Amino acid sequence: SNIDGTAIAWATCEYIMQKRAFLLFATHYFQLNELEQLYTKFKNYHLEVKATNEREESFTHSIVSGNCNTKGYGIDLAIALNFPKLIVDG
């Protein structure tokens, strides 16, 4: 489940932070943004996305400092790639 995955990712990050190891962790679990509030050495970065309107985004491929937003782009990406309407509408 999504809750299990978030818990495992959170615990993994905390474990590695406690070992003071360098970590580059890529995930779709936006809840991990909160770790920056708990650990002073923890820094959030994300791939920049610029919205052109409600359903169109521009993926800049730039890594920027700070939290990602909580919007998922999977459906928008499927629409942009012309997935069949049956799949997109679910």
PDB file of N, CA and C in Angstrom:
ATOM      1  N   SER A   1       0.833  -1.195   0.000  1.00  0.00           N
ATOM      2  CA  SER A   1       0.000   0.000   0.000  1.00  0.00           C
ATOM      3  C   SER A   1       0.877   1.258   0.000  1.00  0.00           C
ATOM      4  N   ASN A   2       0.262   2.369  -0.302  1.00  0.00           N
ATOM      5  CA  ASN A   2       0.975   3.643  -0.303  1.00  0.00           C
ATOM      6  C   ASN A   2       1.478   3.998   1.101  1.00  0.00           C
ATOM      7  N   ILE A   3       0.690   3.674   2.110  1.00  0.00           N
ATOM      8  CA  ILE A   3       1.088   3.959   3.498  1.00  0.00           C
ATOM      9  C   ILE A   3       2.306   3.127   3.877  1.00  0.00           C
ATOM     10  N   ASP A   4       2.307   1.857   3.498  1.00  0.00           N
ATOM     11  CA  ASP A   4       3.454   0.988   3.780  1.00  0.00           C
ATOM     12  C   ASP A   4       4.711   1.505   3.081  1.00  0.00           C
ATOM     13  N   GLY A   5       4.568   1.881   1.821  1.00  0.00           N
ATOM     14  CA  GLY A   5       5.707   2.384   1.063  1.00  0.00           C
ATOM     15  C   GLY A   5       6.276   3.659   1.668  1.00  0.00           C
ATOM     16  N   THR A   6       5.394   4.547   2.088  1.00  0.00           N
ATOM     17  CA  THR A   6       5.836   5.790   2.724  1.00  0.00           C
ATOM     18  C   THR A   6       6.579   5.479   4.021  1.00  0.00           C
ATOM     19  N   ALA A   7       6.050   4.560   4.813  1.00  0.00           N
ATOM     20  CA  ALA A   7       6.680   4.195   6.083  1.00  0.00           C
ATOM     21  C   ALA A   7       8.067   3.592   5.868  1.00  0.00           C
ATOM     22  N   ILE A   8       8.179   2.733   4.882  1.00  0.00           N
ATOM     23  CA  ILE A   8       9.481   2.111   4.590  1.00  0.00           C
ATOM     24  C   ILE A   8      10.477   3.157   4.114  1.00  0.00           C
ATOM     25  N   ALA A   9      10.053   4.050   3.215  1.00  0.00           N
ATOM     26  CA  ALA A   9      10.938   5.109   2.711  1.00  0.00           C
ATOM     27  C   ALA A   9      11.358   6.045   3.844  1.00  0.00           C
ATOM     28  N   TRP A  10      10.424   6.412   4.709  1.00  0.00           N
ATOM     29  CA  TRP A  10      10.713   7.301   5.844  1.00  0.00           C
ATOM     30  C   TRP A  10      11.736   6.640   6.763  1.00  0.00           C
ATOM     31  N   ALA A  11      11.497   5.393   7.129  1.00  0.00           N
ATOM     32  CA  ALA A  11      12.399   4.678   8.038  1.00  0.00           C
ATOM     33  C   ALA A  11      13.790   4.525   7.422  1.00  0.00           C
ATOM     34  N   THR A  12      13.848   4.260   6.129  1.00  0.00           N
ATOM     35  CA  THR A  12      15.133   4.134   5.448  1.00  0.00           C
ATOM     36  C   THR A  12      15.901   5.441   5.509  1.00  0.00           C
ATOM     37  N   CYS A  13      15.230   6.545   5.218  1.00  0.00           N
ATOM     38  CA  CYS A  13      15.883   7.859   5.281  1.00  0.00           C
ATOM     39  C   CYS A  13      16.367   8.171   6.693  1.00  0.00           C
ATOM     40  N   GLU A  14      15.522   7.925   7.691  1.00  0.00           N
ATOM     41  CA  GLU A  14      15.927   8.202   9.074  1.00  0.00           C
ATOM     42  C   GLU A  14      17.127   7.355   9.479  1.00  0.00           C
ATOM     43  N   TYR A  15      17.128   6.096   9.101  1.00  0.00           N
ATOM     44  CA  TYR A  15      18.231   5.204   9.445  1.00  0.00           C
ATOM     45  C   TYR A  15      19.537   5.730   8.844  1.00  0.00           C
ATOM     46  N   ILE A  16      19.501   6.074   7.586  1.00  0.00           N
ATOM     47  CA  ILE A  16      20.714   6.554   6.921  1.00  0.00           C
ATOM     48  C   ILE A  16      21.143   7.913   7.475  1.00  0.00           C
ATOM     49  N   MET A  17      20.178   8.773   7.805  1.00  0.00           N
ATOM     50  CA  MET A  17      20.514  10.072   8.409  1.00  0.00           C
ATOM     51  C   MET A  17      21.215   9.867   9.757  1.00  0.00           C
ATOM     52  N   GLN A  18      20.754   8.918  10.540  1.00  0.00           N
ATOM     53  CA  GLN A  18      21.365   8.654  11.842  1.00  0.00           C
ATOM     54  C   GLN A  18      22.778   8.106  11.700  1.00  0.00           C
ATOM     55  N   LYS A  19      23.073   7.459  10.585  1.00  0.00           N
ATOM     56  CA  LYS A  19      24.421   6.959  10.312  1.00  0.00           C
ATOM     57  C   LYS A  19      25.322   8.057   9.747  1.00  0.00           C
ATOM     58  N   ARG A  20      24.714   9.219   9.476  1.00  0.00           N
ATOM     59  CA  ARG A  20      25.423  10.387   8.930  1.00  0.00           C
ATOM     60  C   ARG A  20      26.062  10.094   7.573  1.00  0.00           C
ATOM     61  N   ALA A  21      25.397   9.284   6.814  1.00  0.00           N
ATOM     62  CA  ALA A  21      25.871   8.952   5.472  1.00  0.00           C
ATOM     63  C   ALA A  21      25.241   9.906   4.462  1.00  0.00           C
ATOM     64  N   PHE A  22      25.928  10.125   3.357  1.00  0.00           N
ATOM     65  CA  PHE A  22      25.373  10.918   2.269  1.00  0.00           C
ATOM     66  C   PHE A  22      24.314  10.081   1.567  1.00  0.00           C
ATOM     67  N   LEU A  23      23.217  10.708   1.240  1.00  0.00           N
ATOM     68  CA  LEU A  23      22.118   9.972   0.626  1.00  0.00           C
ATOM     69  C   LEU A  23      21.464  10.806  -0.460  1.00  0.00           C
ATOM     70  N   LEU A  24      21.290  10.209  -1.594  1.00  0.00           N
ATOM     71  CA  LEU A  24      20.474  10.785  -2.654  1.00  0.00           C
ATOM     72  C   LEU A  24      19.292   9.844  -2.801  1.00  0.00           C
ATOM     73  N   PHE A  25      18.127  10.334  -2.474  1.00  0.00           N
ATOM     74  CA  PHE A  25      16.947   9.484  -2.395  1.00  0.00           C
ATOM     75  C   PHE A  25      15.880  10.062  -3.312  1.00  0.00           C
ATOM     76  N   ALA A  26      15.506   9.327  -4.337  1.00  0.00           N
ATOM     77  CA  ALA A  26      14.466   9.772  -5.264  1.00  0.00           C
ATOM     78  C   ALA A  26      13.195   8.980  -4.988  1.00  0.00           C
ATOM     79  N   THR A  27      12.102   9.686  -4.792  1.00  0.00           N
ATOM     80  CA  THR A  27      10.854   9.025  -4.462  1.00  0.00           C
ATOM     81  C   THR A  27       9.660   9.846  -4.905  1.00  0.00           C
ATOM     82  N   HIS A  28       8.525   9.213  -4.995  1.00  0.00           N
ATOM     83  CA  HIS A  28       7.277   9.920  -5.275  1.00  0.00           C
ATOM     84  C   HIS A  28       6.479  10.140  -3.989  1.00  0.00           C
ATOM     85  N   TYR A  29       7.054   9.803  -2.846  1.00  0.00           N
ATOM     86  CA  TYR A  29       6.380  10.003  -1.565  1.00  0.00           C
ATOM     87  C   TYR A  29       6.655  11.416  -1.062  1.00  0.00           C
ATOM     88  N   PHE A  30       5.756  12.337  -1.395  1.00  0.00           N
ATOM     89  CA  PHE A  30       5.956  13.740  -1.023  1.00  0.00           C
ATOM     90  C   PHE A  30       5.947  13.949   0.480  1.00  0.00           C
ATOM     91  N   GLN A  31       5.429  12.992   1.243  1.00  0.00           N
ATOM     92  CA  GLN A  31       5.418  13.121   2.699  1.00  0.00           C
ATOM     93  C   GLN A  31       6.834  13.230   3.266  1.00  0.00           C
ATOM     94  N   LEU A  32       7.816  12.714   2.537  1.00  0.00           N
ATOM     95  CA  LEU A  32       9.198  12.774   3.005  1.00  0.00           C
ATOM     96  C   LEU A  32       9.744  14.201   3.032  1.00  0.00           C
ATOM     97  N   ASN A  33       9.019  15.140   2.430  1.00  0.00           N
ATOM     98  CA  ASN A  33       9.413  16.553   2.522  1.00  0.00           C
ATOM     99  C   ASN A  33       9.547  16.985   3.979  1.00  0.00           C
ATOM    100  N   GLU A  34       8.744  16.388   4.856  1.00  0.00           N
ATOM    101  CA  GLU A  34       8.732  16.768   6.271  1.00  0.00           C
ATOM    102  C   GLU A  34      10.030  16.439   6.996  1.00  0.00           C
ATOM    103  N   LEU A  35      10.842  15.538   6.448  1.00  0.00           N
ATOM    104  CA  LEU A  35      12.103  15.178   7.099  1.00  0.00           C
ATOM    105  C   LEU A  35      13.043  16.375   7.237  1.00  0.00           C
ATOM    106  N   GLU A  36      12.928  17.338   6.341  1.00  0.00           N
ATOM    107  CA  GLU A  36      13.787  18.523   6.415  1.00  0.00           C
ATOM    108  C   GLU A  36      13.529  19.312   7.696  1.00  0.00           C
ATOM    109  N   GLN A  37      12.310  19.208   8.245  1.00  0.00           N
ATOM    110  CA  GLN A  37      11.980  19.888   9.493  1.00  0.00           C
ATOM    111  C   GLN A  37      12.578  19.168  10.708  1.00  0.00           C
ATOM    112  N   LEU A  38      12.863  17.887  10.562  1.00  0.00           N
ATOM    113  CA  LEU A  38      13.368  17.086  11.677  1.00  0.00           C
ATOM    114  C   LEU A  38      14.887  16.980  11.720  1.00  0.00           C
ATOM    115  N   TYR A  39      15.519  17.064  10.563  1.00  0.00           N
ATOM    116  CA  TYR A  39      16.970  16.878  10.484  1.00  0.00           C
ATOM    117  C   TYR A  39      17.604  18.080   9.795  1.00  0.00           C
ATOM    118  N   THR A  40      18.502  18.746  10.484  1.00  0.00           N
ATOM    119  CA  THR A  40      19.107  19.960   9.934  1.00  0.00           C
ATOM    120  C   THR A  40      19.968  19.686   8.707  1.00  0.00           C
ATOM    121  N   LYS A  41      20.505  18.495   8.595  1.00  0.00           N
ATOM    122  CA  LYS A  41      21.365  18.158   7.453  1.00  0.00           C
ATOM    123  C   LYS A  41      20.559  17.653   6.246  1.00  0.00           C
ATOM    124  N   PHE A  42      19.287  17.420   6.438  1.00  0.00           N
ATOM    125  CA  PHE A  42      18.429  16.905   5.374  1.00  0.00           C
ATOM    126  C   PHE A  42      17.965  18.067   4.510  1.00  0.00           C
ATOM    127  N   LYS A  43      18.178  17.980   3.206  1.00  0.00           N
ATOM    128  CA  LYS A  43      17.778  19.043   2.280  1.00  0.00           C
ATOM    129  C   LYS A  43      16.930  18.461   1.157  1.00  0.00           C
ATOM    130  N   ASN A  44      15.824  19.095   0.894  1.00  0.00           N
ATOM    131  CA  ASN A  44      14.937  18.666  -0.188  1.00  0.00           C
ATOM    132  C   ASN A  44      15.284  19.374  -1.489  1.00  0.00           C
ATOM    133  N   TYR A  45      15.263  18.616  -2.554  1.00  0.00           N
ATOM    134  CA  TYR A  45      15.411  19.126  -3.917  1.00  0.00           C
ATOM    135  C   TYR A  45      14.366  18.416  -4.767  1.00  0.00           C
ATOM    136  N   HIS A  46      14.011  19.006  -5.860  1.00  0.00           N
ATOM    137  CA  HIS A  46      13.045  18.372  -6.751  1.00  0.00           C
ATOM    138  C   HIS A  46      13.273  18.819  -8.186  1.00  0.00           C
ATOM    139  N   LEU A  47      12.694  18.071  -9.105  1.00  0.00           N
ATOM    140  CA  LEU A  47      12.742  18.457 -10.504  1.00  0.00           C
ATOM    141  C   LEU A  47      11.650  19.491 -10.739  1.00  0.00           C
ATOM    142  N   GLU A  48      12.042  20.593 -11.336  1.00  0.00           N
ATOM    143  CA  GLU A  48      11.118  21.703 -11.531  1.00  0.00           C
ATOM    144  C   GLU A  48      10.073  21.381 -12.609  1.00  0.00           C
ATOM    145  N   VAL A  49       8.853  21.760 -12.307  1.00  0.00           N
ATOM    146  CA  VAL A  49       7.750  21.651 -13.252  1.00  0.00           C
ATOM    147  C   VAL A  49       7.067  23.004 -13.296  1.00  0.00           C
ATOM    148  N   LYS A  50       6.875  23.530 -14.484  1.00  0.00           N
ATOM    149  CA  LYS A  50       6.177  24.799 -14.643  1.00  0.00           C
ATOM    150  C   LYS A  50       4.829  24.522 -15.305  1.00  0.00           C
ATOM    151  N   ALA A  51       3.769  24.931 -14.635  1.00  0.00           N
ATOM    152  CA  ALA A  51       2.429  24.732 -15.174  1.00  0.00           C
ATOM    153  C   ALA A  51       2.104  25.847 -16.162  1.00  0.00           C
ATOM    154  N   THR A  52       1.656  25.447 -17.333  1.00  0.00           N
ATOM    155  CA  THR A  52       1.238  26.440 -18.322  1.00  0.00           C
ATOM    156  C   THR A  52      -0.261  26.695 -18.207  1.00  0.00           C
ATOM    157  N   ASN A  53      -1.004  25.706 -17.758  1.00  0.00           N
ATOM    158  CA  ASN A  53      -2.418  25.845 -17.400  1.00  0.00           C
ATOM    159  C   ASN A  53      -2.777  24.644 -16.534  1.00  0.00           C
ATOM    160  N   GLU A  54      -4.048  24.453 -16.279  1.00  0.00           N
ATOM    161  CA  GLU A  54      -4.458  23.406 -15.336  1.00  0.00           C
ATOM    162  C   GLU A  54      -4.031  21.999 -15.751  1.00  0.00           C
ATOM    163  N   ARG A  55      -3.965  21.719 -17.039  1.00  0.00           N
ATOM    164  CA  ARG A  55      -3.658  20.373 -17.510  1.00  0.00           C
ATOM    165  C   ARG A  55      -2.375  20.269 -18.313  1.00  0.00           C
ATOM    166  N   GLU A  56      -1.600  21.324 -18.406  1.00  0.00           N
ATOM    167  CA  GLU A  56      -0.362  21.264 -19.175  1.00  0.00           C
ATOM    168  C   GLU A  56       0.806  21.730 -18.321  1.00  0.00           C
ATOM    169  N   GLU A  57       1.851  20.943 -18.334  1.00  0.00           N
ATOM    170  CA  GLU A  57       3.045  21.259 -17.578  1.00  0.00           C
ATOM    171  C   GLU A  57       4.260  21.225 -18.493  1.00  0.00           C
ATOM    172  N   SER A  58       5.271  21.923 -18.068  1.00  0.00           N
ATOM    173  CA  SER A  58       6.553  21.896 -18.765  1.00  0.00           C
ATOM    174  C   SER A  58       7.583  21.358 -17.785  1.00  0.00           C
ATOM    175  N   PHE A  59       8.166  20.226 -18.101  1.00  0.00           N
ATOM    176  CA  PHE A  59       9.181  19.618 -17.253  1.00  0.00           C
ATOM    177  C   PHE A  59      10.531  20.195 -17.661  1.00  0.00           C
ATOM    178  N   THR A  60      11.108  21.030 -16.804  1.00  0.00           N
ATOM    179  CA  THR A  60      12.331  21.751 -17.161  1.00  0.00           C
ATOM    180  C   THR A  60      13.585  20.900 -16.994  1.00  0.00           C
ATOM    181  N   HIS A  61      13.489  19.800 -16.259  1.00  0.00           N
ATOM    182  CA  HIS A  61      14.629  18.926 -15.964  1.00  0.00           C
ATOM    183  C   HIS A  61      15.696  19.654 -15.146  1.00  0.00           C
ATOM    184  N   SER A  62      15.296  20.713 -14.465  1.00  0.00           N
ATOM    185  CA  SER A  62      16.203  21.458 -13.583  1.00  0.00           C
ATOM    186  C   SER A  62      15.995  20.987 -12.151  1.00  0.00           C
ATOM    187  N   ILE A  63      17.084  20.770 -11.438  1.00  0.00           N
ATOM    188  CA  ILE A  63      17.003  20.409 -10.023  1.00  0.00           C
ATOM    189  C   ILE A  63      17.038  21.696  -9.220  1.00  0.00           C
ATOM    190  N   VAL A  64      16.000  21.895  -8.404  1.00  0.00           N
ATOM    191  CA  VAL A  64      15.902  23.121  -7.616  1.00  0.00           C
ATOM    192  C   VAL A  64      15.716  22.774  -6.139  1.00  0.00           C
ATOM    193  N   SER A  65      16.164  23.665  -5.291  1.00  0.00           N
ATOM    194  CA  SER A  65      16.074  23.479  -3.844  1.00  0.00           C
ATOM    195  C   SER A  65      14.638  23.659  -3.378  1.00  0.00           C
ATOM    196  N   GLY A  66      14.276  22.910  -2.350  1.00  0.00           N
ATOM    197  CA  GLY A  66      12.962  23.068  -1.733  1.00  0.00           C
ATOM    198  C   GLY A  66      12.071  21.863  -1.948  1.00  0.00           C
ATOM    199  N   ASN A  67      10.908  21.935  -1.324  1.00  0.00           N
ATOM    200  CA  ASN A  67       9.936  20.846  -1.413  1.00  0.00           C
ATOM    201  C   ASN A  67       9.256  20.820  -2.765  1.00  0.00           C
ATOM    202  N   CYS A  68       8.903  19.630  -3.179  1.00  0.00           N
ATOM    203  CA  CYS A  68       8.062  19.510  -4.370  1.00  0.00           C
ATOM    204  C   CYS A  68       6.630  19.805  -3.950  1.00  0.00           C
ATOM    205  N   ASN A  69       5.788  20.084  -4.926  1.00  0.00           N
ATOM    206  CA  ASN A  69       4.383  20.224  -4.569  1.00  0.00           C
ATOM    207  C   ASN A  69       3.778  18.833  -4.457  1.00  0.00           C
ATOM    208  N   THR A  70       2.553  18.749  -4.066  1.00  0.00           N
ATOM    209  CA  THR A  70       1.938  17.444  -3.826  1.00  0.00           C
ATOM    210  C   THR A  70       1.090  16.974  -4.998  1.00  0.00           C
ATOM    211  N   LYS A  71       1.141  17.675  -6.112  1.00  0.00           N
ATOM    212  CA  LYS A  71       0.374  17.278  -7.292  1.00  0.00           C
ATOM    213  C   LYS A  71       1.107  16.152  -8.018  1.00  0.00           C
ATOM    214  N   GLY A  72       0.388  15.115  -8.334  1.00  0.00           N
ATOM    215  CA  GLY A  72       0.947  14.055  -9.156  1.00  0.00           C
ATOM    216  C   GLY A  72       0.747  14.391 -10.624  1.00  0.00           C
ATOM    217  N   TYR A  73       1.685  13.987 -11.462  1.00  0.00           N
ATOM    218  CA  TYR A  73       1.619  14.328 -12.879  1.00  0.00           C
ATOM    219  C   TYR A  73       1.373  13.119 -13.766  1.00  0.00           C
ATOM    220  N   GLY A  74       1.066  11.983 -13.180  1.00  0.00           N
ATOM    221  CA  GLY A  74       0.891  10.768 -13.961  1.00  0.00           C
ATOM    222  C   GLY A  74      -0.230  10.854 -14.984  1.00  0.00           C
ATOM    223  N   ILE A  75      -1.398  11.318 -14.579  1.00  0.00           N
ATOM    224  CA  ILE A  75      -2.534  11.426 -15.500  1.00  0.00           C
ATOM    225  C   ILE A  75      -2.240  12.450 -16.592  1.00  0.00           C
ATOM    226  N   ASP A  76      -1.684  13.598 -16.192  1.00  0.00           N
ATOM    227  CA  ASP A  76      -1.345  14.628 -17.184  1.00  0.00           C
ATOM    228  C   ASP A  76      -0.335  14.103 -18.199  1.00  0.00           C
ATOM    229  N   LEU A  77       0.629  13.327 -17.722  1.00  0.00           N
ATOM    230  CA  LEU A  77       1.624  12.752 -18.622  1.00  0.00           C
ATOM    231  C   LEU A  77       0.975  11.741 -19.569  1.00  0.00           C
ATOM    232  N   ALA A  78       0.069  10.932 -19.049  1.00  0.00           N
ATOM    233  CA  ALA A  78      -0.638   9.954 -19.892  1.00  0.00           C
ATOM    234  C   ALA A  78      -1.440  10.664 -20.984  1.00  0.00           C
ATOM    235  N   ILE A  79      -2.083  11.765 -20.639  1.00  0.00           N
ATOM    236  CA  ILE A  79      -2.842  12.539 -21.632  1.00  0.00           C
ATOM    237  C   ILE A  79      -1.897  13.101 -22.685  1.00  0.00           C
ATOM    238  N   ALA A  80      -0.766  13.667 -22.241  1.00  0.00           N
ATOM    239  CA  ALA A  80       0.210  14.244 -23.175  1.00  0.00           C
ATOM    240  C   ALA A  80       0.774  13.182 -24.119  1.00  0.00           C
ATOM    241  N   LEU A  81       0.852  11.937 -23.646  1.00  0.00           N
ATOM    242  CA  LEU A  81       1.383  10.847 -24.464  1.00  0.00           C
ATOM    243  C   LEU A  81       0.294  10.127 -25.258  1.00  0.00           C
ATOM    244  N   ASN A  82      -0.915  10.704 -25.235  1.00  0.00           N
ATOM    245  CA  ASN A  82      -2.054  10.171 -25.998  1.00  0.00           C
ATOM    246  C   ASN A  82      -2.451   8.751 -25.604  1.00  0.00           C
ATOM    247  N   PHE A  83      -2.412   8.465 -24.295  1.00  0.00           N
ATOM    248  CA  PHE A  83      -2.921   7.182 -23.829  1.00  0.00           C
ATOM    249  C   PHE A  83      -4.406   7.106 -24.181  1.00  0.00           C
ATOM    250  N   PRO A  84      -4.932   5.924 -24.389  1.00  0.00           N
ATOM    251  CA  PRO A  84      -6.362   5.797 -24.687  1.00  0.00           C
ATOM    252  C   PRO A  84      -7.221   6.381 -23.555  1.00  0.00           C
ATOM    253  N   LYS A  85      -8.312   7.028 -23.940  1.00  0.00           N
ATOM    254  CA  LYS A  85      -9.207   7.663 -22.982  1.00  0.00           C
ATOM    255  C   LYS A  85      -9.702   6.683 -21.917  1.00  0.00           C
ATOM    256  N   LEU A  86      -9.941   5.450 -22.315  1.00  0.00           N
ATOM    257  CA  LEU A  86     -10.401   4.418 -21.382  1.00  0.00           C
ATOM    258  C   LEU A  86      -9.422   4.235 -20.227  1.00  0.00           C
ATOM    259  N   ILE A  87      -8.125   4.275 -20.525  1.00  0.00           N
ATOM    260  CA  ILE A  87      -7.097   4.125 -19.498  1.00  0.00           C
ATOM    261  C   ILE A  87      -7.006   5.382 -18.643  1.00  0.00           C
ATOM    262  N   VAL A  88      -6.993   6.542 -19.273  1.00  0.00           N
ATOM    263  CA  VAL A  88      -6.827   7.808 -18.552  1.00  0.00           C
ATOM    264  C   VAL A  88      -8.017   8.064 -17.627  1.00  0.00           C
ATOM    265  N   ASP A  89      -9.221   7.790 -18.091  1.00  0.00           N
ATOM    266  CA  ASP A  89     -10.421   8.051 -17.290  1.00  0.00           C
ATOM    267  C   ASP A  89     -10.665   6.982 -16.235  1.00  0.00           C
ATOM    268  N   GLY A  90     -10.023   5.818 -16.415  1.00  0.00           N
ATOM    269  CA  GLY A  90     -10.080   4.740 -15.443  1.00  0.00           C
ATOM    270  C   GLY A  90     -11.421   4.192 -15.226  1.00  0.00           C
TER     271      GLY A  90
END
